[in-house]
């Protein structure tokens, strides 16, 4: 069974490109277009990894990350924050709230896939 990645982002072009990229890399992909959809999707069935945009409507990625980390069952769920904000303070905030890793937009697709594989290799063995 393919590992599942939840892509939580409100920008349609980014969602589509990430969906195609990750499916080509061998992952199953689910989509959430705002923070509330992301939390509902995780409640339905926890993914193996989340790509979480920091700035989304309804609930931002920082709030979603903090909410997920408050659930002991989700403590080890890899959460990679995606954001256009490259300032160190934003990165530190995401990491302090429990993000596993952080990547800024625009990002290299090769770097993103490598980051995902580092936290969620296809064969299930962490590198």
PDB file of N, CA and C in Angstrom:
ATOM      1  N   UNK A   1       0.837  -1.185   0.000  1.00  0.00           N
ATOM      2  CA  UNK A   1       0.000   0.000   0.000  1.00  0.00           C
ATOM      3  C   UNK A   1       0.883   1.251   0.000  1.00  0.00           C
ATOM      4  N   UNK A   2       0.554   2.206  -0.856  1.00  0.00           N
ATOM      5  CA  UNK A   2       1.340   3.424  -0.973  1.00  0.00           C
ATOM      6  C   UNK A   2       1.178   4.295   0.273  1.00  0.00           C
ATOM      7  N   UNK A   3       2.262   4.928   0.724  1.00  0.00           N
ATOM      8  CA  UNK A   3       2.131   5.911   1.797  1.00  0.00           C
ATOM      9  C   UNK A   3       1.258   7.075   1.315  1.00  0.00           C
ATOM     10  N   UNK A   4       0.487   7.642   2.232  1.00  0.00           N
ATOM     11  CA  UNK A   4      -0.427   8.725   1.900  1.00  0.00           C
ATOM     12  C   UNK A   4       0.100  10.055   2.415  1.00  0.00           C
ATOM     13  N   UNK A   5       0.060  11.053   1.543  1.00  0.00           N
ATOM     14  CA  UNK A   5       0.465  12.404   1.905  1.00  0.00           C
ATOM     15  C   UNK A   5      -0.747  13.314   1.786  1.00  0.00           C
ATOM     16  N   UNK A   6      -0.994  14.094   2.836  1.00  0.00           N
ATOM     17  CA  UNK A   6      -2.034  15.110   2.800  1.00  0.00           C
ATOM     18  C   UNK A   6      -1.381  16.428   2.407  1.00  0.00           C
ATOM     19  N   UNK A   7      -1.834  17.010   1.295  1.00  0.00           N
ATOM     20  CA  UNK A   7      -1.367  18.324   0.864  1.00  0.00           C
ATOM     21  C   UNK A   7      -2.424  19.332   1.296  1.00  0.00           C
ATOM     22  N   UNK A   8      -2.058  20.216   2.225  1.00  0.00           N
ATOM     23  CA  UNK A   8      -2.974  21.237   2.722  1.00  0.00           C
ATOM     24  C   UNK A   8      -2.474  22.597   2.261  1.00  0.00           C
ATOM     25  N   UNK A   9      -3.128  23.136   1.232  1.00  0.00           N
ATOM     26  CA  UNK A   9      -2.714  24.411   0.637  1.00  0.00           C
ATOM     27  C   UNK A   9      -3.926  25.006  -0.065  1.00  0.00           C
ATOM     28  N   UNK A  10      -4.048  26.326  -0.040  1.00  0.00           N
ATOM     29  CA  UNK A  10      -5.205  26.972  -0.661  1.00  0.00           C
ATOM     30  C   UNK A  10      -4.921  27.502  -2.058  1.00  0.00           C
ATOM     31  N   UNK A  11      -3.705  27.316  -2.565  1.00  0.00           N
ATOM     32  CA  UNK A  11      -3.341  27.799  -3.895  1.00  0.00           C
ATOM     33  C   UNK A  11      -3.520  26.662  -4.910  1.00  0.00           C
ATOM     34  N   UNK A  12      -4.552  26.735  -5.779  1.00  0.00           N
ATOM     35  CA  UNK A  12      -4.846  25.630  -6.699  1.00  0.00           C
ATOM     36  C   UNK A  12      -3.660  25.169  -7.552  1.00  0.00           C
ATOM     37  N   UNK A  13      -2.844  26.090  -8.039  1.00  0.00           N
ATOM     38  CA  UNK A  13      -1.727  25.692  -8.900  1.00  0.00           C
ATOM     39  C   UNK A  13      -0.679  24.903  -8.109  1.00  0.00           C
ATOM     40  N   UNK A  14      -0.460  25.263  -6.861  1.00  0.00           N
ATOM     41  CA  UNK A  14       0.500  24.535  -6.030  1.00  0.00           C
ATOM     42  C   UNK A  14      -0.054  23.150  -5.691  1.00  0.00           C
ATOM     43  N   UNK A  15      -1.335  23.103  -5.348  1.00  0.00           N
ATOM     44  CA  UNK A  15      -1.975  21.822  -5.025  1.00  0.00           C
ATOM     45  C   UNK A  15      -1.856  20.863  -6.204  1.00  0.00           C
ATOM     46  N   UNK A  16      -2.186  21.335  -7.392  1.00  0.00           N
ATOM     47  CA  UNK A  16      -2.135  20.480  -8.582  1.00  0.00           C
ATOM     48  C   UNK A  16      -0.712  20.012  -8.865  1.00  0.00           C
ATOM     49  N   UNK A  17       0.249  20.929  -8.813  1.00  0.00           N
ATOM     50  CA  UNK A  17       1.624  20.525  -9.112  1.00  0.00           C
ATOM     51  C   UNK A  17       2.165  19.557  -8.063  1.00  0.00           C
ATOM     52  N   UNK A  18       1.836  19.771  -6.794  1.00  0.00           N
ATOM     53  CA  UNK A  18       2.283  18.842  -5.752  1.00  0.00           C
ATOM     54  C   UNK A  18       1.617  17.477  -5.908  1.00  0.00           C
ATOM     55  N   UNK A  19       0.335  17.477  -6.252  1.00  0.00           N
ATOM     56  CA  UNK A  19      -0.383  16.220  -6.436  1.00  0.00           C
ATOM     57  C   UNK A  19       0.262  15.388  -7.542  1.00  0.00           C
ATOM     58  N   UNK A  20       0.537  16.003  -8.688  1.00  0.00           N
ATOM     59  CA  UNK A  20       1.159  15.298  -9.812  1.00  0.00           C
ATOM     60  C   UNK A  20       2.562  14.827  -9.433  1.00  0.00           C
ATOM     61  N   UNK A  21       3.346  15.707  -8.851  1.00  0.00           N
ATOM     62  CA  UNK A  21       4.720  15.399  -8.465  1.00  0.00           C
ATOM     63  C   UNK A  21       4.785  14.222  -7.491  1.00  0.00           C
ATOM     64  N   UNK A  22       3.960  14.258  -6.468  1.00  0.00           N
ATOM     65  CA  UNK A  22       4.000  13.217  -5.442  1.00  0.00           C
ATOM     66  C   UNK A  22       3.432  11.887  -5.935  1.00  0.00           C
ATOM     67  N   UNK A  23       2.417  11.941  -6.790  1.00  0.00           N
ATOM     68  CA  UNK A  23       1.893  10.703  -7.359  1.00  0.00           C
ATOM     69  C   UNK A  23       2.934  10.054  -8.261  1.00  0.00           C
ATOM     70  N   UNK A  24       3.661  10.869  -9.041  1.00  0.00           N
ATOM     71  CA  UNK A  24       4.737  10.334  -9.875  1.00  0.00           C
ATOM     72  C   UNK A  24       5.830   9.702  -9.022  1.00  0.00           C
ATOM     73  N   UNK A  25       6.035  10.248  -7.817  1.00  0.00           N
ATOM     74  CA  UNK A  25       7.064   9.734  -6.907  1.00  0.00           C
ATOM     75  C   UNK A  25       6.588   8.483  -6.161  1.00  0.00           C
ATOM     76  N   UNK A  26       5.323   8.090  -6.381  1.00  0.00           N
ATOM     77  CA  UNK A  26       4.834   6.840  -5.811  1.00  0.00           C
ATOM     78  C   UNK A  26       3.986   6.952  -4.557  1.00  0.00           C
ATOM     79  N   UNK A  27       3.487   8.145  -4.287  1.00  0.00           N
ATOM     80  CA  UNK A  27       2.674   8.343  -3.089  1.00  0.00           C
ATOM     81  C   UNK A  27       1.201   8.530  -3.439  1.00  0.00           C
ATOM     82  N   UNK A  28       0.327   8.157  -2.522  1.00  0.00           N
ATOM     83  CA  UNK A  28      -1.093   8.488  -2.645  1.00  0.00           C
ATOM     84  C   UNK A  28      -1.250   9.891  -2.068  1.00  0.00           C
ATOM     85  N   UNK A  29      -2.109  10.701  -2.681  1.00  0.00           N
ATOM     86  CA  UNK A  29      -2.234  12.101  -2.264  1.00  0.00           C
ATOM     87  C   UNK A  29      -3.678  12.435  -1.951  1.00  0.00           C
ATOM     88  N   UNK A  30      -3.879  13.093  -0.807  1.00  0.00           N
ATOM     89  CA  UNK A  30      -5.180  13.679  -0.443  1.00  0.00           C
ATOM     90  C   UNK A  30      -4.996  15.188  -0.367  1.00  0.00           C
ATOM     91  N   UNK A  31      -6.078  15.923  -0.583  1.00  0.00           N
ATOM     92  CA  UNK A  31      -6.022  17.378  -0.658  1.00  0.00           C
ATOM     93  C   UNK A  31      -6.930  18.006   0.401  1.00  0.00           C
ATOM     94  N   UNK A  32      -6.438  19.085   1.013  1.00  0.00           N
ATOM     95  CA  UNK A  32      -7.250  19.942   1.883  1.00  0.00           C
ATOM     96  C   UNK A  32      -6.960  21.375   1.456  1.00  0.00           C
ATOM     97  N   UNK A  33      -8.006  22.184   1.306  1.00  0.00           N
ATOM     98  CA  UNK A  33      -7.818  23.544   0.792  1.00  0.00           C
ATOM     99  C   UNK A  33      -7.838  24.620   1.869  1.00  0.00           C
ATOM    100  N   UNK A  34      -8.025  24.218   3.113  1.00  0.00           N
ATOM    101  CA  UNK A  34      -7.937  25.164   4.226  1.00  0.00           C
ATOM    102  C   UNK A  34      -7.638  24.375   5.503  1.00  0.00           C
ATOM    103  N   UNK A  35      -7.400  25.086   6.586  1.00  0.00           N
ATOM    104  CA  UNK A  35      -7.025  24.436   7.830  1.00  0.00           C
ATOM    105  C   UNK A  35      -8.086  23.514   8.395  1.00  0.00           C
ATOM    106  N   UNK A  36      -9.349  23.915   8.280  1.00  0.00           N
ATOM    107  CA  UNK A  36     -10.429  23.060   8.798  1.00  0.00           C
ATOM    108  C   UNK A  36     -10.529  21.764   8.014  1.00  0.00           C
ATOM    109  N   UNK A  37     -10.388  21.836   6.676  1.00  0.00           N
ATOM    110  CA  UNK A  37     -10.405  20.611   5.862  1.00  0.00           C
ATOM    111  C   UNK A  37      -9.233  19.706   6.229  1.00  0.00           C
ATOM    112  N   UNK A  38      -8.089  20.299   6.505  1.00  0.00           N
ATOM    113  CA  UNK A  38      -6.909  19.504   6.873  1.00  0.00           C
ATOM    114  C   UNK A  38      -7.172  18.732   8.163  1.00  0.00           C
ATOM    115  N   UNK A  39      -7.701  19.409   9.160  1.00  0.00           N
ATOM    116  CA  UNK A  39      -7.982  18.742  10.437  1.00  0.00           C
ATOM    117  C   UNK A  39      -9.049  17.658  10.275  1.00  0.00           C
ATOM    118  N   UNK A  40     -10.076  17.939   9.470  1.00  0.00           N
ATOM    119  CA  UNK A  40     -11.134  16.947   9.229  1.00  0.00           C
ATOM    120  C   UNK A  40     -10.567  15.731   8.503  1.00  0.00           C
ATOM    121  N   UNK A  41      -9.681  15.955   7.542  1.00  0.00           N
ATOM    122  CA  UNK A  41      -9.085  14.858   6.788  1.00  0.00           C
ATOM    123  C   UNK A  41      -8.241  13.967   7.698  1.00  0.00           C
ATOM    124  N   UNK A  42      -7.464  14.577   8.573  1.00  0.00           N
ATOM    125  CA  UNK A  42      -6.639  13.802   9.507  1.00  0.00           C
ATOM    126  C   UNK A  42      -7.531  13.033  10.479  1.00  0.00           C
ATOM    127  N   UNK A  43      -8.636  13.642  10.907  1.00  0.00           N
ATOM    128  CA  UNK A  43      -9.565  12.969  11.819  1.00  0.00           C
ATOM    129  C   UNK A  43     -10.202  11.749  11.158  1.00  0.00           C
ATOM    130  N   UNK A  44     -10.482  11.852   9.855  1.00  0.00           N
ATOM    131  CA  UNK A  44     -11.059  10.723   9.109  1.00  0.00           C
ATOM    132  C   UNK A  44     -10.077   9.565   9.033  1.00  0.00           C
ATOM    133  N   UNK A  45      -8.854   9.862   8.641  1.00  0.00           N
ATOM    134  CA  UNK A  45      -7.809   8.847   8.513  1.00  0.00           C
ATOM    135  C   UNK A  45      -6.473   9.565   8.474  1.00  0.00           C
ATOM    136  N   UNK A  46      -5.645   9.323   9.464  1.00  0.00           N
ATOM    137  CA  UNK A  46      -4.351  10.004   9.521  1.00  0.00           C
ATOM    138  C   UNK A  46      -3.486   9.620   8.324  1.00  0.00           C
ATOM    139  N   UNK A  47      -2.918  10.612   7.645  1.00  0.00           N
ATOM    140  CA  UNK A  47      -2.000  10.314   6.544  1.00  0.00           C
ATOM    141  C   UNK A  47      -0.645   9.888   7.112  1.00  0.00           C
ATOM    142  N   UNK A  48       0.277   9.551   6.234  1.00  0.00           N
ATOM    143  CA  UNK A  48       1.624   9.189   6.668  1.00  0.00           C
ATOM    144  C   UNK A  48       2.523  10.416   6.791  1.00  0.00           C
ATOM    145  N   UNK A  49       2.123  11.513   6.118  1.00  0.00           N
ATOM    146  CA  UNK A  49       2.887  12.760   6.161  1.00  0.00           C
ATOM    147  C   UNK A  49       1.968  13.888   5.714  1.00  0.00           C
ATOM    148  N   UNK A  50       2.197  15.094   6.227  1.00  0.00           N
ATOM    149  CA  UNK A  50       1.412  16.263   5.815  1.00  0.00           C
ATOM    150  C   UNK A  50       2.351  17.332   5.264  1.00  0.00           C
ATOM    151  N   UNK A  51       2.001  17.871   4.094  1.00  0.00           N
ATOM    152  CA  UNK A  51       2.627  19.081   3.564  1.00  0.00           C
ATOM    153  C   UNK A  51       1.639  20.196   3.889  1.00  0.00           C
ATOM    154  N   UNK A  52       2.018  21.100   4.758  1.00  0.00           N
ATOM    155  CA  UNK A  52       1.081  22.055   5.352  1.00  0.00           C
ATOM    156  C   UNK A  52       1.485  23.495   5.061  1.00  0.00           C
ATOM    157  N   UNK A  53       0.663  24.190   4.289  1.00  0.00           N
ATOM    158  CA  UNK A  53       0.897  25.600   3.996  1.00  0.00           C
ATOM    159  C   UNK A  53       0.684  26.412   5.273  1.00  0.00           C
ATOM    160  N   UNK A  54       1.568  27.355   5.529  1.00  0.00           N
ATOM    161  CA  UNK A  54       1.451  28.170   6.736  1.00  0.00           C
ATOM    162  C   UNK A  54       0.274  29.133   6.660  1.00  0.00           C
ATOM    163  N   UNK A  55       0.030  29.695   5.473  1.00  0.00           N
ATOM    164  CA  UNK A  55      -1.008  30.713   5.336  1.00  0.00           C
ATOM    165  C   UNK A  55      -2.195  30.164   4.549  1.00  0.00           C
ATOM    166  N   UNK A  56      -3.254  29.789   5.280  1.00  0.00           N
ATOM    167  CA  UNK A  56      -4.473  29.265   4.652  1.00  0.00           C
ATOM    168  C   UNK A  56      -5.681  29.914   5.315  1.00  0.00           C
ATOM    169  N   UNK A  57      -6.832  29.889   4.621  1.00  0.00           N
ATOM    170  CA  UNK A  57      -8.052  30.421   5.237  1.00  0.00           C
ATOM    171  C   UNK A  57      -8.588  29.501   6.334  1.00  0.00           C
ATOM    172  N   UNK A  58      -9.465  30.064   7.135  1.00  0.00           N
ATOM    173  CA  UNK A  58     -10.174  29.405   8.239  1.00  0.00           C
ATOM    174  C   UNK A  58      -9.265  29.106   9.420  1.00  0.00           C
ATOM    175  N   UNK A  59      -8.230  28.302   9.233  1.00  0.00           N
ATOM    176  CA  UNK A  59      -7.222  28.072  10.271  1.00  0.00           C
ATOM    177  C   UNK A  59      -5.879  27.978   9.570  1.00  0.00           C
ATOM    178  N   UNK A  60      -4.918  28.789  10.010  1.00  0.00           N
ATOM    179  CA  UNK A  60      -3.628  28.756   9.322  1.00  0.00           C
ATOM    180  C   UNK A  60      -2.836  27.506   9.693  1.00  0.00           C
ATOM    181  N   UNK A  61      -1.760  27.272   8.938  1.00  0.00           N
ATOM    182  CA  UNK A  61      -0.963  26.071   9.141  1.00  0.00           C
ATOM    183  C   UNK A  61      -0.337  25.977  10.521  1.00  0.00           C
ATOM    184  N   UNK A  62       0.019  27.128  11.098  1.00  0.00           N
ATOM    185  CA  UNK A  62       0.607  27.108  12.430  1.00  0.00           C
ATOM    186  C   UNK A  62      -0.406  26.573  13.449  1.00  0.00           C
ATOM    187  N   UNK A  63      -1.652  27.038  13.330  1.00  0.00           N
ATOM    188  CA  UNK A  63      -2.719  26.583  14.223  1.00  0.00           C
ATOM    189  C   UNK A  63      -3.008  25.092  14.011  1.00  0.00           C
ATOM    190  N   UNK A  64      -3.050  24.675  12.749  1.00  0.00           N
ATOM    191  CA  UNK A  64      -3.294  23.261  12.431  1.00  0.00           C
ATOM    192  C   UNK A  64      -2.179  22.392  13.020  1.00  0.00           C
ATOM    193  N   UNK A  65      -0.947  22.816  12.841  1.00  0.00           N
ATOM    194  CA  UNK A  65       0.199  22.060  13.359  1.00  0.00           C
ATOM    195  C   UNK A  65       0.105  21.925  14.878  1.00  0.00           C
ATOM    196  N   UNK A  66      -0.174  23.031  15.547  1.00  0.00           N
ATOM    197  CA  UNK A  66      -0.278  23.022  17.006  1.00  0.00           C
ATOM    198  C   UNK A  66      -1.431  22.113  17.460  1.00  0.00           C
ATOM    199  N   UNK A  67      -2.555  22.165  16.764  1.00  0.00           N
ATOM    200  CA  UNK A  67      -3.713  21.328  17.101  1.00  0.00           C
ATOM    201  C   UNK A  67      -3.377  19.847  16.936  1.00  0.00           C
ATOM    202  N   UNK A  68      -2.714  19.505  15.830  1.00  0.00           N
ATOM    203  CA  UNK A  68      -2.348  18.108  15.594  1.00  0.00           C
ATOM    204  C   UNK A  68      -1.354  17.612  16.644  1.00  0.00           C
ATOM    205  N   UNK A  69      -0.405  18.448  16.997  1.00  0.00           N
ATOM    206  CA  UNK A  69       0.611  18.043  17.983  1.00  0.00           C
ATOM    207  C   UNK A  69       0.028  17.880  19.385  1.00  0.00           C
ATOM    208  N   UNK A  70      -1.131  18.468  19.637  1.00  0.00           N
ATOM    209  CA  UNK A  70      -1.779  18.317  20.943  1.00  0.00           C
ATOM    210  C   UNK A  70      -2.375  16.921  21.114  1.00  0.00           C
ATOM    211  N   UNK A  71      -2.529  16.180  20.000  1.00  0.00           N
ATOM    212  CA  UNK A  71      -3.076  14.819  20.034  1.00  0.00           C
ATOM    213  C   UNK A  71      -1.912  13.832  20.181  1.00  0.00           C
ATOM    214  N   UNK A  72      -1.831  13.128  21.310  1.00  0.00           N
ATOM    215  CA  UNK A  72      -0.712  12.200  21.526  1.00  0.00           C
ATOM    216  C   UNK A  72      -0.575  11.149  20.424  1.00  0.00           C
ATOM    217  N   UNK A  73      -1.669  10.763  19.790  1.00  0.00           N
ATOM    218  CA  UNK A  73      -1.625   9.753  18.728  1.00  0.00           C
ATOM    219  C   UNK A  73      -0.935  10.274  17.472  1.00  0.00           C
ATOM    220  N   UNK A  74      -0.796  11.597  17.355  1.00  0.00           N
ATOM    221  CA  UNK A  74      -0.227  12.184  16.139  1.00  0.00           C
ATOM    222  C   UNK A  74       1.155  12.804  16.370  1.00  0.00           C
ATOM    223  N   UNK A  75       1.725  12.562  17.515  1.00  0.00           N
ATOM    224  CA  UNK A  75       3.028  13.163  17.868  1.00  0.00           C
ATOM    225  C   UNK A  75       4.121  12.848  16.856  1.00  0.00           C
ATOM    226  N   UNK A  76       4.105  11.640  16.292  1.00  0.00           N
ATOM    227  CA  UNK A  76       5.182  11.249  15.381  1.00  0.00           C
ATOM    228  C   UNK A  76       4.827  11.469  13.900  1.00  0.00           C
ATOM    229  N   UNK A  77       3.648  12.007  13.607  1.00  0.00           N
ATOM    230  CA  UNK A  77       3.241  12.279  12.227  1.00  0.00           C
ATOM    231  C   UNK A  77       4.136  13.366  11.632  1.00  0.00           C
ATOM    232  N   UNK A  78       4.871  13.076  10.552  1.00  0.00           N
ATOM    233  CA  UNK A  78       5.723  14.103   9.956  1.00  0.00           C
ATOM    234  C   UNK A  78       4.881  15.235   9.348  1.00  0.00           C
ATOM    235  N   UNK A  79       5.197  16.460   9.743  1.00  0.00           N
ATOM    236  CA  UNK A  79       4.524  17.649   9.216  1.00  0.00           C
ATOM    237  C   UNK A  79       5.597  18.557   8.629  1.00  0.00           C
ATOM    238  N   UNK A  80       5.516  18.772   7.315  1.00  0.00           N
ATOM    239  CA  UNK A  80       6.453  19.673   6.643  1.00  0.00           C
ATOM    240  C   UNK A  80       5.691  20.946   6.305  1.00  0.00           C
ATOM    241  N   UNK A  81       6.112  22.045   6.902  1.00  0.00           N
ATOM    242  CA  UNK A  81       5.472  23.341   6.658  1.00  0.00           C
ATOM    243  C   UNK A  81       5.967  23.902   5.329  1.00  0.00           C
ATOM    244  N   UNK A  82       5.031  24.426   4.535  1.00  0.00           N
ATOM    245  CA  UNK A  82       5.335  25.113   3.277  1.00  0.00           C
ATOM    246  C   UNK A  82       4.936  26.567   3.458  1.00  0.00           C
ATOM    247  N   UNK A  83       5.831  27.485   3.146  1.00  0.00           N
ATOM    248  CA  UNK A  83       5.448  28.879   3.281  1.00  0.00           C
ATOM    249  C   UNK A  83       6.243  29.785   2.371  1.00  0.00           C
ATOM    250  N   UNK A  84       5.630  30.894   1.996  1.00  0.00           N
ATOM    251  CA  UNK A  84       6.314  31.911   1.204  1.00  0.00           C
ATOM    252  C   UNK A  84       7.156  32.797   2.118  1.00  0.00           C
ATOM    253  N   UNK A  85       6.931  32.699   3.401  1.00  0.00           N
ATOM    254  CA  UNK A  85       7.675  33.522   4.356  1.00  0.00           C
ATOM    255  C   UNK A  85       8.998  32.834   4.690  1.00  0.00           C
ATOM    256  N   UNK A  86      10.082  33.470   4.304  1.00  0.00           N
ATOM    257  CA  UNK A  86      11.383  32.837   4.491  1.00  0.00           C
ATOM    258  C   UNK A  86      12.131  33.375   5.708  1.00  0.00           C
ATOM    259  N   UNK A  87      11.519  34.284   6.446  1.00  0.00           N
ATOM    260  CA  UNK A  87      12.207  34.832   7.615  1.00  0.00           C
ATOM    261  C   UNK A  87      12.429  33.743   8.668  1.00  0.00           C
ATOM    262  N   UNK A  88      13.546  33.833   9.343  1.00  0.00           N
ATOM    263  CA  UNK A  88      13.886  32.846  10.369  1.00  0.00           C
ATOM    264  C   UNK A  88      12.830  32.750  11.459  1.00  0.00           C
ATOM    265  N   UNK A  89      12.200  33.890  11.791  1.00  0.00           N
ATOM    266  CA  UNK A  89      11.203  33.883  12.868  1.00  0.00           C
ATOM    267  C   UNK A  89      10.019  32.993  12.497  1.00  0.00           C
ATOM    268  N   UNK A  90       9.627  32.980  11.215  1.00  0.00           N
ATOM    269  CA  UNK A  90       8.528  32.127  10.763  1.00  0.00           C
ATOM    270  C   UNK A  90       8.923  30.650  10.851  1.00  0.00           C
ATOM    271  N   UNK A  91      10.150  30.365  10.447  1.00  0.00           N
ATOM    272  CA  UNK A  91      10.652  28.994  10.510  1.00  0.00           C
ATOM    273  C   UNK A  91      10.701  28.521  11.963  1.00  0.00           C
ATOM    274  N   UNK A  92      11.218  29.371  12.823  1.00  0.00           N
ATOM    275  CA  UNK A  92      11.313  29.025  14.245  1.00  0.00           C
ATOM    276  C   UNK A  92       9.929  28.811  14.855  1.00  0.00           C
ATOM    277  N   UNK A  93       8.962  29.634  14.450  1.00  0.00           N
ATOM    278  CA  UNK A  93       7.597  29.478  14.953  1.00  0.00           C
ATOM    279  C   UNK A  93       7.032  28.117  14.550  1.00  0.00           C
ATOM    280  N   UNK A  94       7.201  27.761  13.273  1.00  0.00           N
ATOM    281  CA  UNK A  94       6.702  26.474  12.787  1.00  0.00           C
ATOM    282  C   UNK A  94       7.353  25.306  13.522  1.00  0.00           C
ATOM    283  N   UNK A  95       8.649  25.381  13.702  1.00  0.00           N
ATOM    284  CA  UNK A  95       9.365  24.295  14.379  1.00  0.00           C
ATOM    285  C   UNK A  95       8.965  24.237  15.861  1.00  0.00           C
ATOM    286  N   UNK A  96       8.786  25.403  16.487  1.00  0.00           N
ATOM    287  CA  UNK A  96       8.396  25.446  17.898  1.00  0.00           C
ATOM    288  C   UNK A  96       7.006  24.847  18.109  1.00  0.00           C
ATOM    289  N   UNK A  97       6.145  24.987  17.106  1.00  0.00           N
ATOM    290  CA  UNK A  97       4.778  24.447  17.221  1.00  0.00           C
ATOM    291  C   UNK A  97       4.712  22.969  16.864  1.00  0.00           C
ATOM    292  N   UNK A  98       5.844  22.393  16.461  1.00  0.00           N
ATOM    293  CA  UNK A  98       5.871  20.953  16.244  1.00  0.00           C
ATOM    294  C   UNK A  98       6.099  20.489  14.822  1.00  0.00           C
ATOM    295  N   UNK A  99       6.382  21.420  13.889  1.00  0.00           N
ATOM    296  CA  UNK A  99       6.663  20.991  12.520  1.00  0.00           C
ATOM    297  C   UNK A  99       7.921  20.126  12.513  1.00  0.00           C
ATOM    298  N   UNK A 100       7.907  19.119  11.666  1.00  0.00           N
ATOM    299  CA  UNK A 100       9.052  18.223  11.530  1.00  0.00           C
ATOM    300  C   UNK A 100      10.139  18.873  10.683  1.00  0.00           C
ATOM    301  N   UNK A 101       9.691  19.616   9.664  1.00  0.00           N
ATOM    302  CA  UNK A 101      10.629  20.278   8.762  1.00  0.00           C
ATOM    303  C   UNK A 101       9.911  21.465   8.130  1.00  0.00           C
ATOM    304  N   UNK A 102      10.630  22.214   7.295  1.00  0.00           N
ATOM    305  CA  UNK A 102      10.144  23.484   6.780  1.00  0.00           C
ATOM    306  C   UNK A 102      10.756  23.713   5.415  1.00  0.00           C
ATOM    307  N   UNK A 103       9.951  24.152   4.452  1.00  0.00           N
ATOM    308  CA  UNK A 103      10.492  24.496   3.134  1.00  0.00           C
ATOM    309  C   UNK A 103       9.792  25.767   2.653  1.00  0.00           C
ATOM    310  N   UNK A 104      10.567  26.666   2.039  1.00  0.00           N
ATOM    311  CA  UNK A 104       9.983  27.934   1.600  1.00  0.00           C
ATOM    312  C   UNK A 104       9.641  27.902   0.115  1.00  0.00           C
ATOM    313  N   UNK A 105       8.574  28.618  -0.229  1.00  0.00           N
ATOM    314  CA  UNK A 105       8.142  28.769  -1.614  1.00  0.00           C
ATOM    315  C   UNK A 105       8.869  29.966  -2.197  1.00  0.00           C
ATOM    316  N   UNK A 106       9.262  29.958  -3.450  1.00  0.00           N
ATOM    317  CA  UNK A 106       9.186  28.804  -4.338  1.00  0.00           C
ATOM    318  C   UNK A 106      10.252  27.782  -3.967  1.00  0.00           C
ATOM    319  N   UNK A 107       9.937  26.514  -4.192  1.00  0.00           N
ATOM    320  CA  UNK A 107      10.875  25.457  -3.832  1.00  0.00           C
ATOM    321  C   UNK A 107      11.185  24.619  -5.064  1.00  0.00           C
ATOM    322  N   UNK A 108      12.313  23.971  -5.025  1.00  0.00           N
ATOM    323  CA  UNK A 108      12.698  23.050  -6.089  1.00  0.00           C
ATOM    324  C   UNK A 108      11.895  21.763  -5.904  1.00  0.00           C
ATOM    325  N   UNK A 109      11.309  21.259  -6.984  1.00  0.00           N
ATOM    326  CA  UNK A 109      10.545  20.013  -6.871  1.00  0.00           C
ATOM    327  C   UNK A 109      11.450  18.862  -6.447  1.00  0.00           C
ATOM    328  N   UNK A 110      12.678  18.872  -6.929  1.00  0.00           N
ATOM    329  CA  UNK A 110      13.636  17.829  -6.545  1.00  0.00           C
ATOM    330  C   UNK A 110      13.912  17.886  -5.040  1.00  0.00           C
ATOM    331  N   UNK A 111      14.100  19.105  -4.509  1.00  0.00           N
ATOM    332  CA  UNK A 111      14.363  19.262  -3.076  1.00  0.00           C
ATOM    333  C   UNK A 111      13.157  18.818  -2.251  1.00  0.00           C
ATOM    334  N   UNK A 112      11.960  19.151  -2.737  1.00  0.00           N
ATOM    335  CA  UNK A 112      10.755  18.777  -1.996  1.00  0.00           C
ATOM    336  C   UNK A 112      10.599  17.257  -1.941  1.00  0.00           C
ATOM    337  N   UNK A 113      10.765  16.587  -3.074  1.00  0.00           N
ATOM    338  CA  UNK A 113      10.645  15.124  -3.089  1.00  0.00           C
ATOM    339  C   UNK A 113      11.719  14.495  -2.199  1.00  0.00           C
ATOM    340  N   UNK A 114      12.930  15.043  -2.224  1.00  0.00           N
ATOM    341  CA  UNK A 114      13.997  14.516  -1.369  1.00  0.00           C
ATOM    342  C   UNK A 114      13.645  14.692   0.102  1.00  0.00           C
ATOM    343  N   UNK A 115      13.052  15.824   0.443  1.00  0.00           N
ATOM    344  CA  UNK A 115      12.646  16.084   1.822  1.00  0.00           C
ATOM    345  C   UNK A 115      11.543  15.121   2.252  1.00  0.00           C
ATOM    346  N   UNK A 116      10.557  14.912   1.380  1.00  0.00           N
ATOM    347  CA  UNK A 116       9.482  13.963   1.672  1.00  0.00           C
ATOM    348  C   UNK A 116      10.061  12.563   1.864  1.00  0.00           C
ATOM    349  N   UNK A 117      10.956  12.166   0.973  1.00  0.00           N
ATOM    350  CA  UNK A 117      11.552  10.821   1.074  1.00  0.00           C
ATOM    351  C   UNK A 117      12.384  10.661   2.338  1.00  0.00           C
ATOM    352  N   UNK A 118      12.998  11.754   2.786  1.00  0.00           N
ATOM    353  CA  UNK A 118      13.779  11.688   4.016  1.00  0.00           C
ATOM    354  C   UNK A 118      12.873  11.340   5.202  1.00  0.00           C
ATOM    355  N   UNK A 119      11.663  11.892   5.186  1.00  0.00           N
ATOM    356  CA  UNK A 119      10.738  11.657   6.290  1.00  0.00           C
ATOM    357  C   UNK A 119       9.766  10.512   6.040  1.00  0.00           C
ATOM    358  N   UNK A 120       9.627  10.111   4.760  1.00  0.00           N
ATOM    359  CA  UNK A 120       8.645   9.093   4.409  1.00  0.00           C
ATOM    360  C   UNK A 120       9.082   8.331   3.159  1.00  0.00           C
ATOM    361  N   UNK A 121      10.101   7.503   3.271  1.00  0.00           N
ATOM    362  CA  UNK A 121      10.546   6.756   2.099  1.00  0.00           C
ATOM    363  C   UNK A 121       9.476   5.777   1.621  1.00  0.00           C
ATOM    364  N   UNK A 122       9.474   5.507   0.318  1.00  0.00           N
ATOM    365  CA  UNK A 122       8.451   4.627  -0.268  1.00  0.00           C
ATOM    366  C   UNK A 122       8.476   3.231   0.336  1.00  0.00           C
ATOM    367  N   UNK A 123       9.649   2.761   0.700  1.00  0.00           N
ATOM    368  CA  UNK A 123       9.725   1.390   1.215  1.00  0.00           C
ATOM    369  C   UNK A 123       9.443   1.321   2.717  1.00  0.00           C
ATOM    370  N   UNK A 124       9.150   2.473   3.316  1.00  0.00           N
ATOM    371  CA  UNK A 124       8.788   2.493   4.726  1.00  0.00           C
ATOM    372  C   UNK A 124       9.973   2.476   5.679  1.00  0.00           C
ATOM    373  N   UNK A 125      11.193   2.526   5.141  1.00  0.00           N
ATOM    374  CA  UNK A 125      12.386   2.522   5.986  1.00  0.00           C
ATOM    375  C   UNK A 125      12.970   3.917   5.951  1.00  0.00           C
ATOM    376  N   UNK A 126      13.003   4.597   7.083  1.00  0.00           N
ATOM    377  CA  UNK A 126      13.538   5.959   7.144  1.00  0.00           C
ATOM    378  C   UNK A 126      15.025   5.954   6.831  1.00  0.00           C
ATOM    379  N   UNK A 127      15.453   6.992   6.116  1.00  0.00           N
ATOM    380  CA  UNK A 127      16.871   7.075   5.770  1.00  0.00           C
ATOM    381  C   UNK A 127      17.630   7.921   6.767  1.00  0.00           C
TER     382      UNK A 127
END
